[in-house]
Every structure is written in C-alpha cells, then in structure tokens.
Amino acid sequence: MTNKRDNQIGRDQYFKERAGTDDARFHVVQHEEDSWAVKVEGKEEPAYTSDSKSAAIKEAKRMAEESKTIAYIHGDDGKIEQQHNYMES
C-alpha cells in the first residue's frame, strides 16, 4: 500500500523527468495571493505571471500550442478545471 509521501515522491520524479523536454506541460496556477502564473512542469519559477487568470490562461494556451503539448488550468483549490490539448495540432 502506498502512502501520500510515496505518491508525492513519485509525482515529483515524474515531473522532474519531463522538465525541459517536449513532454513538459504548462499549468495555470494561483500565484501568491492575488495573481496567477503559468508554470512549466518541473520548474520552480513561473514562466509568466499576471493579475488576471484569463490572461494567464491565454498565455498558457499560446505556449502549449507553440510547443504542441497540453495546458492545464487549475482552480483556486489547485484542482484541474480544464485542459487544452495541442499535441495533435
């Protein structure tokens, strides 16, 4: 039986292996208190920040389309609300 710590370690390793590759995805996440960020899997620093969630979504979609990958849009609670797949475009 796996526990939360094992799941976190496995997830961190998964993202680390994809960081900097064509498989890295873009995530729109809440950043600090009143802003939003586009983060690339495996990277600590955001690739883009904005006071507007809609602006962050627009940029994440552009970046994902350009990279032919996926943009995930997270809600305030951190759960994925939407995904935009550009892998087959």
PDB file of N, CA and C in Angstrom:
ATOM      1  N   MET A   1       0.827  -1.171   0.000  1.00  0.00           N
ATOM      2  CA  MET A   1       0.000   0.000   0.000  1.00  0.00           C
ATOM      3  C   MET A   1       0.883   1.250   0.000  1.00  0.00           C
ATOM      4  N   THR A   2       0.573   2.220  -0.902  1.00  0.00           N
ATOM      5  CA  THR A   2       1.368   3.437  -0.955  1.00  0.00           C
ATOM      6  C   THR A   2       0.738   4.511  -0.086  1.00  0.00           C
ATOM      7  N   ASN A   3       1.585   5.378   0.411  1.00  0.00           N
ATOM      8  CA  ASN A   3       1.076   6.472   1.221  1.00  0.00           C
ATOM      9  C   ASN A   3       1.251   7.800   0.480  1.00  0.00           C
ATOM     10  N   LYS A   4       0.780   8.899   1.068  1.00  0.00           N
ATOM     11  CA  LYS A   4       0.853  10.209   0.420  1.00  0.00           C
ATOM     12  C   LYS A   4       2.285  10.606   0.101  1.00  0.00           C
ATOM     13  N   ARG A   5       3.196  10.315   0.998  1.00  0.00           N
ATOM     14  CA  ARG A   5       4.605  10.679   0.789  1.00  0.00           C
ATOM     15  C   ARG A   5       5.162   9.950  -0.426  1.00  0.00           C
ATOM     16  N   ASP A   6       4.884   8.667  -0.559  1.00  0.00           N
ATOM     17  CA  ASP A   6       5.349   7.903  -1.715  1.00  0.00           C
ATOM     18  C   ASP A   6       4.750   8.444  -3.007  1.00  0.00           C
ATOM     19  N   ASN A   7       3.463   8.794  -2.966  1.00  0.00           N
ATOM     20  CA  ASN A   7       2.812   9.366  -4.147  1.00  0.00           C
ATOM     21  C   ASN A   7       3.455  10.686  -4.532  1.00  0.00           C
ATOM     22  N   GLN A   8       3.760  11.535  -3.532  1.00  0.00           N
ATOM     23  CA  GLN A   8       4.389  12.824  -3.798  1.00  0.00           C
ATOM     24  C   GLN A   8       5.772  12.634  -4.403  1.00  0.00           C
ATOM     25  N   ILE A   9       6.548  11.716  -3.878  1.00  0.00           N
ATOM     26  CA  ILE A   9       7.886  11.446  -4.404  1.00  0.00           C
ATOM     27  C   ILE A   9       7.786  10.957  -5.843  1.00  0.00           C
ATOM     28  N   GLY A  10       6.862  10.063  -6.109  1.00  0.00           N
ATOM     29  CA  GLY A  10       6.671   9.554  -7.460  1.00  0.00           C
ATOM     30  C   GLY A  10       6.246  10.643  -8.426  1.00  0.00           C
ATOM     31  N   ARG A  11       5.335  11.510  -7.988  1.00  0.00           N
ATOM     32  CA  ARG A  11       4.868  12.611  -8.831  1.00  0.00           C
ATOM     33  C   ARG A  11       6.000  13.606  -9.082  1.00  0.00           C
ATOM     34  N   ASP A  12       6.765  13.937  -8.049  1.00  0.00           N
ATOM     35  CA  ASP A  12       7.890  14.860  -8.221  1.00  0.00           C
ATOM     36  C   ASP A  12       8.912  14.308  -9.213  1.00  0.00           C
ATOM     37  N   GLN A  13       9.188  13.019  -9.127  1.00  0.00           N
ATOM     38  CA  GLN A  13      10.141  12.392 -10.049  1.00  0.00           C
ATOM     39  C   GLN A  13       9.601  12.413 -11.480  1.00  0.00           C
ATOM     40  N   TYR A  14       8.328  12.140 -11.652  1.00  0.00           N
ATOM     41  CA  TYR A  14       7.679  12.160 -12.957  1.00  0.00           C
ATOM     42  C   TYR A  14       7.828  13.535 -13.604  1.00  0.00           C
ATOM     43  N   PHE A  15       7.535  14.605 -12.842  1.00  0.00           N
ATOM     44  CA  PHE A  15       7.645  15.952 -13.380  1.00  0.00           C
ATOM     45  C   PHE A  15       9.101  16.315 -13.651  1.00  0.00           C
ATOM     46  N   LYS A  16      10.003  15.898 -12.778  1.00  0.00           N
ATOM     47  CA  LYS A  16      11.426  16.194 -12.960  1.00  0.00           C
ATOM     48  C   LYS A  16      11.945  15.564 -14.247  1.00  0.00           C
ATOM     49  N   GLU A  17      11.512  14.357 -14.540  1.00  0.00           N
ATOM     50  CA  GLU A  17      11.966  13.676 -15.751  1.00  0.00           C
ATOM     51  C   GLU A  17      11.448  14.358 -17.015  1.00  0.00           C
ATOM     52  N   ARG A  18      10.268  14.975 -16.932  1.00  0.00           N
ATOM     53  CA  ARG A  18       9.681  15.631 -18.105  1.00  0.00           C
ATOM     54  C   ARG A  18      10.118  17.070 -18.261  1.00  0.00           C
ATOM     55  N   ALA A  19      10.657  17.666 -17.221  1.00  0.00           N
ATOM     56  CA  ALA A  19      11.061  19.076 -17.278  1.00  0.00           C
ATOM     57  C   ALA A  19      12.078  19.291 -18.382  1.00  0.00           C
ATOM     58  N   GLY A  20      11.849  20.330 -19.173  1.00  0.00           N
ATOM     59  CA  GLY A  20      12.781  20.661 -20.237  1.00  0.00           C
ATOM     60  C   GLY A  20      12.680  19.770 -21.463  1.00  0.00           C
ATOM     61  N   THR A  21      11.698  18.891 -21.498  1.00  0.00           N
ATOM     62  CA  THR A  21      11.504  18.035 -22.665  1.00  0.00           C
ATOM     63  C   THR A  21      10.253  18.485 -23.401  1.00  0.00           C
ATOM     64  N   ASP A  22      10.023  17.900 -24.546  1.00  0.00           N
ATOM     65  CA  ASP A  22       8.815  18.204 -25.309  1.00  0.00           C
ATOM     66  C   ASP A  22       7.561  17.740 -24.584  1.00  0.00           C
ATOM     67  N   ASP A  23       7.714  16.892 -23.567  1.00  0.00           N
ATOM     68  CA  ASP A  23       6.572  16.375 -22.821  1.00  0.00           C
ATOM     69  C   ASP A  23       6.159  17.275 -21.656  1.00  0.00           C
ATOM     70  N   ALA A  24       6.930  18.329 -21.370  1.00  0.00           N
ATOM     71  CA  ALA A  24       6.591  19.224 -20.265  1.00  0.00           C
ATOM     72  C   ALA A  24       5.311  19.977 -20.591  1.00  0.00           C
ATOM     73  N   ARG A  25       4.395  20.005 -19.662  1.00  0.00           N
ATOM     74  CA  ARG A  25       3.109  20.683 -19.827  1.00  0.00           C
ATOM     75  C   ARG A  25       3.130  22.033 -19.118  1.00  0.00           C
ATOM     76  N   PHE A  26       2.163  22.878 -19.462  1.00  0.00           N
ATOM     77  CA  PHE A  26       2.015  24.192 -18.856  1.00  0.00           C
ATOM     78  C   PHE A  26       0.803  24.169 -17.922  1.00  0.00           C
ATOM     79  N   HIS A  27       0.964  24.738 -16.748  1.00  0.00           N
ATOM     80  CA  HIS A  27      -0.096  24.755 -15.743  1.00  0.00           C
ATOM     81  C   HIS A  27      -0.384  26.189 -15.327  1.00  0.00           C
ATOM     82  N   VAL A  28      -1.660  26.587 -15.369  1.00  0.00           N
ATOM     83  CA  VAL A  28      -2.083  27.877 -14.819  1.00  0.00           C
ATOM     84  C   VAL A  28      -2.470  27.619 -13.371  1.00  0.00           C
ATOM     85  N   VAL A  29      -1.759  28.274 -12.465  1.00  0.00           N
ATOM     86  CA  VAL A  29      -1.970  28.074 -11.030  1.00  0.00           C
ATOM     87  C   VAL A  29      -2.012  29.416 -10.319  1.00  0.00           C
ATOM     88  N   GLN A  30      -2.679  29.428  -9.172  1.00  0.00           N
ATOM     89  CA  GLN A  30      -2.688  30.644  -8.366  1.00  0.00           C
ATOM     90  C   GLN A  30      -1.270  30.904  -7.888  1.00  0.00           C
ATOM     91  N   HIS A  31      -0.881  32.175  -7.927  1.00  0.00           N
ATOM     92  CA  HIS A  31       0.489  32.557  -7.586  1.00  0.00           C
ATOM     93  C   HIS A  31       0.428  33.690  -6.573  1.00  0.00           C
ATOM     94  N   GLU A  32       1.055  33.498  -5.470  1.00  0.00           N
ATOM     95  CA  GLU A  32       0.986  34.445  -4.373  1.00  0.00           C
ATOM     96  C   GLU A  32      -0.486  34.654  -4.002  1.00  0.00           C
ATOM     97  N   GLU A  33      -0.859  35.840  -3.594  1.00  0.00           N
ATOM     98  CA  GLU A  33      -2.214  35.989  -3.081  1.00  0.00           C
ATOM     99  C   GLU A  33      -3.228  36.379  -4.151  1.00  0.00           C
ATOM    100  N   ASP A  34      -2.880  37.330  -4.986  1.00  0.00           N
ATOM    101  CA  ASP A  34      -3.852  37.854  -5.943  1.00  0.00           C
ATOM    102  C   ASP A  34      -3.376  37.769  -7.386  1.00  0.00           C
ATOM    103  N   SER A  35      -2.557  36.804  -7.712  1.00  0.00           N
ATOM    104  CA  SER A  35      -2.090  36.705  -9.089  1.00  0.00           C
ATOM    105  C   SER A  35      -2.091  35.248  -9.552  1.00  0.00           C
ATOM    106  N   TRP A  36      -1.861  35.080 -10.835  1.00  0.00           N
ATOM    107  CA  TRP A  36      -1.864  33.772 -11.474  1.00  0.00           C
ATOM    108  C   TRP A  36      -0.561  33.582 -12.231  1.00  0.00           C
ATOM    109  N   ALA A  37      -0.144  32.343 -12.362  1.00  0.00           N
ATOM    110  CA  ALA A  37       1.112  32.051 -13.035  1.00  0.00           C
ATOM    111  C   ALA A  37       0.939  30.903 -14.014  1.00  0.00           C
ATOM    112  N   VAL A  38       1.778  30.927 -15.026  1.00  0.00           N
ATOM    113  CA  VAL A  38       1.931  29.775 -15.914  1.00  0.00           C
ATOM    114  C   VAL A  38       3.247  29.131 -15.513  1.00  0.00           C
ATOM    115  N   LYS A  39       3.169  27.883 -15.081  1.00  0.00           N
ATOM    116  CA  LYS A  39       4.371  27.160 -14.678  1.00  0.00           C
ATOM    117  C   LYS A  39       4.586  25.975 -15.607  1.00  0.00           C
ATOM    118  N   VAL A  40       5.824  25.730 -15.918  1.00  0.00           N
ATOM    119  CA  VAL A  40       6.215  24.579 -16.721  1.00  0.00           C
ATOM    120  C   VAL A  40       6.525  23.446 -15.756  1.00  0.00           C
ATOM    121  N   GLU A  41       6.021  22.265 -16.040  1.00  0.00           N
ATOM    122  CA  GLU A  41       6.279  21.116 -15.157  1.00  0.00           C
ATOM    123  C   GLU A  41       7.766  20.983 -14.881  1.00  0.00           C
ATOM    124  N   GLY A  42       8.079  20.801 -13.606  1.00  0.00           N
ATOM    125  CA  GLY A  42       9.458  20.576 -13.199  1.00  0.00           C
ATOM    126  C   GLY A  42      10.252  21.838 -12.920  1.00  0.00           C
ATOM    127  N   LYS A  43       9.677  22.991 -13.192  1.00  0.00           N
ATOM    128  CA  LYS A  43      10.368  24.263 -12.956  1.00  0.00           C
ATOM    129  C   LYS A  43       9.755  24.946 -11.741  1.00  0.00           C
ATOM    130  N   GLU A  44      10.588  25.548 -10.923  1.00  0.00           N
ATOM    131  CA  GLU A  44      10.108  26.251  -9.731  1.00  0.00           C
ATOM    132  C   GLU A  44       9.543  27.621 -10.085  1.00  0.00           C
ATOM    133  N   GLU A  45      10.276  28.372 -10.889  1.00  0.00           N
ATOM    134  CA  GLU A  45       9.880  29.738 -11.220  1.00  0.00           C
ATOM    135  C   GLU A  45       8.827  29.738 -12.321  1.00  0.00           C
ATOM    136  N   PRO A  46       7.838  30.605 -12.221  1.00  0.00           N
ATOM    137  CA  PRO A  46       6.824  30.680 -13.271  1.00  0.00           C
ATOM    138  C   PRO A  46       7.407  31.220 -14.575  1.00  0.00           C
ATOM    139  N   ALA A  47       6.855  30.772 -15.676  1.00  0.00           N
ATOM    140  CA  ALA A  47       7.252  31.272 -16.990  1.00  0.00           C
ATOM    141  C   ALA A  47       6.538  32.581 -17.299  1.00  0.00           C
ATOM    142  N   TYR A  48       5.418  32.829 -16.600  1.00  0.00           N
ATOM    143  CA  TYR A  48       4.595  34.005 -16.854  1.00  0.00           C
ATOM    144  C   TYR A  48       3.738  34.245 -15.622  1.00  0.00           C
ATOM    145  N   THR A  49       3.533  35.506 -15.271  1.00  0.00           N
ATOM    146  CA  THR A  49       2.617  35.846 -14.177  1.00  0.00           C
ATOM    147  C   THR A  49       1.703  36.988 -14.621  1.00  0.00           C
ATOM    148  N   SER A  50       0.523  37.037 -14.016  1.00  0.00           N
ATOM    149  CA  SER A  50      -0.455  38.070 -14.332  1.00  0.00           C
ATOM    150  C   SER A  50      -1.406  38.248 -13.155  1.00  0.00           C
ATOM    151  N   ASP A  51      -1.993  39.435 -13.049  1.00  0.00           N
ATOM    152  CA  ASP A  51      -3.040  39.664 -12.059  1.00  0.00           C
ATOM    153  C   ASP A  51      -4.355  39.041 -12.508  1.00  0.00           C
ATOM    154  N   SER A  52      -4.432  38.671 -13.777  1.00  0.00           N
ATOM    155  CA  SER A  52      -5.657  38.149 -14.379  1.00  0.00           C
ATOM    156  C   SER A  52      -5.530  36.666 -14.724  1.00  0.00           C
ATOM    157  N   LYS A  53      -6.473  35.866 -14.226  1.00  0.00           N
ATOM    158  CA  LYS A  53      -6.477  34.442 -14.567  1.00  0.00           C
ATOM    159  C   LYS A  53      -6.687  34.260 -16.064  1.00  0.00           C
ATOM    160  N   SER A  54      -7.566  35.060 -16.663  1.00  0.00           N
ATOM    161  CA  SER A  54      -7.844  34.905 -18.096  1.00  0.00           C
ATOM    162  C   SER A  54      -6.604  35.206 -18.935  1.00  0.00           C
ATOM    163  N   ALA A  55      -5.796  36.175 -18.525  1.00  0.00           N
ATOM    164  CA  ALA A  55      -4.551  36.469 -19.246  1.00  0.00           C
ATOM    165  C   ALA A  55      -3.569  35.309 -19.110  1.00  0.00           C
ATOM    166  N   ALA A  56      -3.489  34.723 -17.929  1.00  0.00           N
ATOM    167  CA  ALA A  56      -2.600  33.575 -17.718  1.00  0.00           C
ATOM    168  C   ALA A  56      -3.062  32.382 -18.553  1.00  0.00           C
ATOM    169  N   ILE A  57      -4.372  32.180 -18.650  1.00  0.00           N
ATOM    170  CA  ILE A  57      -4.900  31.079 -19.461  1.00  0.00           C
ATOM    171  C   ILE A  57      -4.559  31.301 -20.927  1.00  0.00           C
ATOM    172  N   LYS A  58      -4.759  32.510 -21.405  1.00  0.00           N
ATOM    173  CA  LYS A  58      -4.454  32.827 -22.798  1.00  0.00           C
ATOM    174  C   LYS A  58      -2.987  32.545 -23.110  1.00  0.00           C
ATOM    175  N   GLU A  59      -2.087  32.955 -22.209  1.00  0.00           N
ATOM    176  CA  GLU A  59      -0.655  32.737 -22.419  1.00  0.00           C
ATOM    177  C   GLU A  59      -0.303  31.254 -22.342  1.00  0.00           C
ATOM    178  N   ALA A  60      -0.884  30.528 -21.406  1.00  0.00           N
ATOM    179  CA  ALA A  60      -0.615  29.084 -21.286  1.00  0.00           C
ATOM    180  C   ALA A  60      -1.061  28.356 -22.542  1.00  0.00           C
ATOM    181  N   LYS A  61      -2.216  28.712 -23.068  1.00  0.00           N
ATOM    182  CA  LYS A  61      -2.717  28.084 -24.292  1.00  0.00           C
ATOM    183  C   LYS A  61      -1.792  28.390 -25.468  1.00  0.00           C
ATOM    184  N   ARG A  62      -1.316  29.634 -25.554  1.00  0.00           N
ATOM    185  CA  ARG A  62      -0.393  30.001 -26.625  1.00  0.00           C
ATOM    186  C   ARG A  62       0.905  29.201 -26.528  1.00  0.00           C
ATOM    187  N   MET A  63       1.442  29.128 -25.314  1.00  0.00           N
ATOM    188  CA  MET A  63       2.693  28.401 -25.095  1.00  0.00           C
ATOM    189  C   MET A  63       2.525  26.920 -25.405  1.00  0.00           C
ATOM    190  N   ALA A  64       1.404  26.345 -24.971  1.00  0.00           N
ATOM    191  CA  ALA A  64       1.160  24.922 -25.207  1.00  0.00           C
ATOM    192  C   ALA A  64       0.968  24.637 -26.692  1.00  0.00           C
ATOM    193  N   GLU A  65       0.259  25.516 -27.375  1.00  0.00           N
ATOM    194  CA  GLU A  65       0.053  25.319 -28.813  1.00  0.00           C
ATOM    195  C   GLU A  65       1.378  25.406 -29.563  1.00  0.00           C
ATOM    196  N   GLU A  66       2.197  26.375 -29.197  1.00  0.00           N
ATOM    197  CA  GLU A  66       3.503  26.545 -29.824  1.00  0.00           C
ATOM    198  C   GLU A  66       4.394  25.330 -29.589  1.00  0.00           C
ATOM    199  N   SER A  67       4.297  24.745 -28.391  1.00  0.00           N
ATOM    200  CA  SER A  67       5.127  23.592 -28.020  1.00  0.00           C
ATOM    201  C   SER A  67       4.485  22.256 -28.357  1.00  0.00           C
ATOM    202  N   LYS A  68       3.239  22.302 -28.869  1.00  0.00           N
ATOM    203  CA  LYS A  68       2.486  21.081 -29.186  1.00  0.00           C
ATOM    204  C   LYS A  68       2.387  20.158 -27.970  1.00  0.00           C
ATOM    205  N   THR A  69       1.882  20.731 -26.884  1.00  0.00           N
ATOM    206  CA  THR A  69       1.721  19.983 -25.640  1.00  0.00           C
ATOM    207  C   THR A  69       0.364  20.328 -25.015  1.00  0.00           C
ATOM    208  N   ILE A  70       0.234  20.262 -23.710  1.00  0.00           N
ATOM    209  CA  ILE A  70      -1.047  20.444 -23.030  1.00  0.00           C
ATOM    210  C   ILE A  70      -0.950  21.592 -22.038  1.00  0.00           C
ATOM    211  N   ALA A  71      -2.035  22.379 -21.952  1.00  0.00           N
ATOM    212  CA  ALA A  71      -2.173  23.413 -20.922  1.00  0.00           C
ATOM    213  C   ALA A  71      -3.245  22.949 -19.946  1.00  0.00           C
ATOM    214  N   TYR A  72      -2.911  22.927 -18.664  1.00  0.00           N
ATOM    215  CA  TYR A  72      -3.853  22.579 -17.606  1.00  0.00           C
ATOM    216  C   TYR A  72      -4.222  23.846 -16.859  1.00  0.00           C
ATOM    217  N   ILE A  73      -5.516  24.030 -16.621  1.00  0.00           N
ATOM    218  CA  ILE A  73      -5.999  25.191 -15.897  1.00  0.00           C
ATOM    219  C   ILE A  73      -6.487  24.725 -14.529  1.00  0.00           C
ATOM    220  N   HIS A  74      -5.877  25.242 -13.481  1.00  0.00           N
ATOM    221  CA  HIS A  74      -6.213  24.868 -12.106  1.00  0.00           C
ATOM    222  C   HIS A  74      -7.094  25.941 -11.480  1.00  0.00           C
ATOM    223  N   GLY A  75      -7.954  25.532 -10.578  1.00  0.00           N
ATOM    224  CA  GLY A  75      -8.790  26.459  -9.826  1.00  0.00           C
ATOM    225  C   GLY A  75      -8.086  26.960  -8.588  1.00  0.00           C
ATOM    226  N   ASP A  76      -8.787  27.777  -7.819  1.00  0.00           N
ATOM    227  CA  ASP A  76      -8.243  28.298  -6.563  1.00  0.00           C
ATOM    228  C   ASP A  76      -7.841  27.181  -5.610  1.00  0.00           C
ATOM    229  N   ASP A  77      -8.538  26.056  -5.696  1.00  0.00           N
ATOM    230  CA  ASP A  77      -8.265  24.931  -4.802  1.00  0.00           C
ATOM    231  C   ASP A  77      -7.137  24.031  -5.310  1.00  0.00           C
ATOM    232  N   GLY A  78      -6.559  24.355  -6.471  1.00  0.00           N
ATOM    233  CA  GLY A  78      -5.450  23.581  -7.020  1.00  0.00           C
ATOM    234  C   GLY A  78      -5.865  22.439  -7.922  1.00  0.00           C
ATOM    235  N   LYS A  79      -7.152  22.125  -7.956  1.00  0.00           N
ATOM    236  CA  LYS A  79      -7.628  21.026  -8.804  1.00  0.00           C
ATOM    237  C   LYS A  79      -7.732  21.484 -10.258  1.00  0.00           C
ATOM    238  N   ILE A  80      -7.482  20.551 -11.168  1.00  0.00           N
ATOM    239  CA  ILE A  80      -7.572  20.856 -12.589  1.00  0.00           C
ATOM    240  C   ILE A  80      -9.031  21.064 -12.964  1.00  0.00           C
ATOM    241  N   GLU A  81      -9.306  22.211 -13.592  1.00  0.00           N
ATOM    242  CA  GLU A  81     -10.652  22.542 -14.048  1.00  0.00           C
ATOM    243  C   GLU A  81     -10.821  22.275 -15.542  1.00  0.00           C
ATOM    244  N   GLN A  82      -9.759  22.504 -16.299  1.00  0.00           N
ATOM    245  CA  GLN A  82      -9.796  22.348 -17.751  1.00  0.00           C
ATOM    246  C   GLN A  82      -8.446  21.871 -18.242  1.00  0.00           C
ATOM    247  N   GLN A  83      -8.468  21.297 -19.444  1.00  0.00           N
ATOM    248  CA  GLN A  83      -7.208  21.031 -20.117  1.00  0.00           C
ATOM    249  C   GLN A  83      -7.394  21.318 -21.594  1.00  0.00           C
ATOM    250  N   HIS A  84      -6.333  21.806 -22.206  1.00  0.00           N
ATOM    251  CA  HIS A  84      -6.341  22.125 -23.625  1.00  0.00           C
ATOM    252  C   HIS A  84      -5.186  21.362 -24.262  1.00  0.00           C
ATOM    253  N   ASN A  85      -5.520  20.410 -25.131  1.00  0.00           N
ATOM    254  CA  ASN A  85      -4.538  19.519 -25.725  1.00  0.00           C
ATOM    255  C   ASN A  85      -4.179  19.993 -27.127  1.00  0.00           C
ATOM    256  N   TYR A  86      -2.917  20.343 -27.307  1.00  0.00           N
ATOM    257  CA  TYR A  86      -2.416  20.774 -28.610  1.00  0.00           C
ATOM    258  C   TYR A  86      -1.406  19.773 -29.174  1.00  0.00           C
ATOM    259  N   MET A  87      -1.376  18.573 -28.626  1.00  0.00           N
ATOM    260  CA  MET A  87      -0.390  17.580 -29.045  1.00  0.00           C
ATOM    261  C   MET A  87      -0.638  17.079 -30.464  1.00  0.00           C
ATOM    262  N   GLU A  88      -1.871  17.117 -30.903  1.00  0.00           N
ATOM    263  CA  GLU A  88      -2.202  16.568 -32.218  1.00  0.00           C
ATOM    264  C   GLU A  88      -2.446  17.661 -33.245  1.00  0.00           C
ATOM    265  N   SER A  89      -2.250  18.918 -32.877  1.00  0.00           N
ATOM    266  CA  SER A  89      -2.493  20.031 -33.790  1.00  0.00           C
ATOM    267  C   SER A  89      -1.387  20.163 -34.805  1.00  0.00           C
TER     268      SER A  89
END
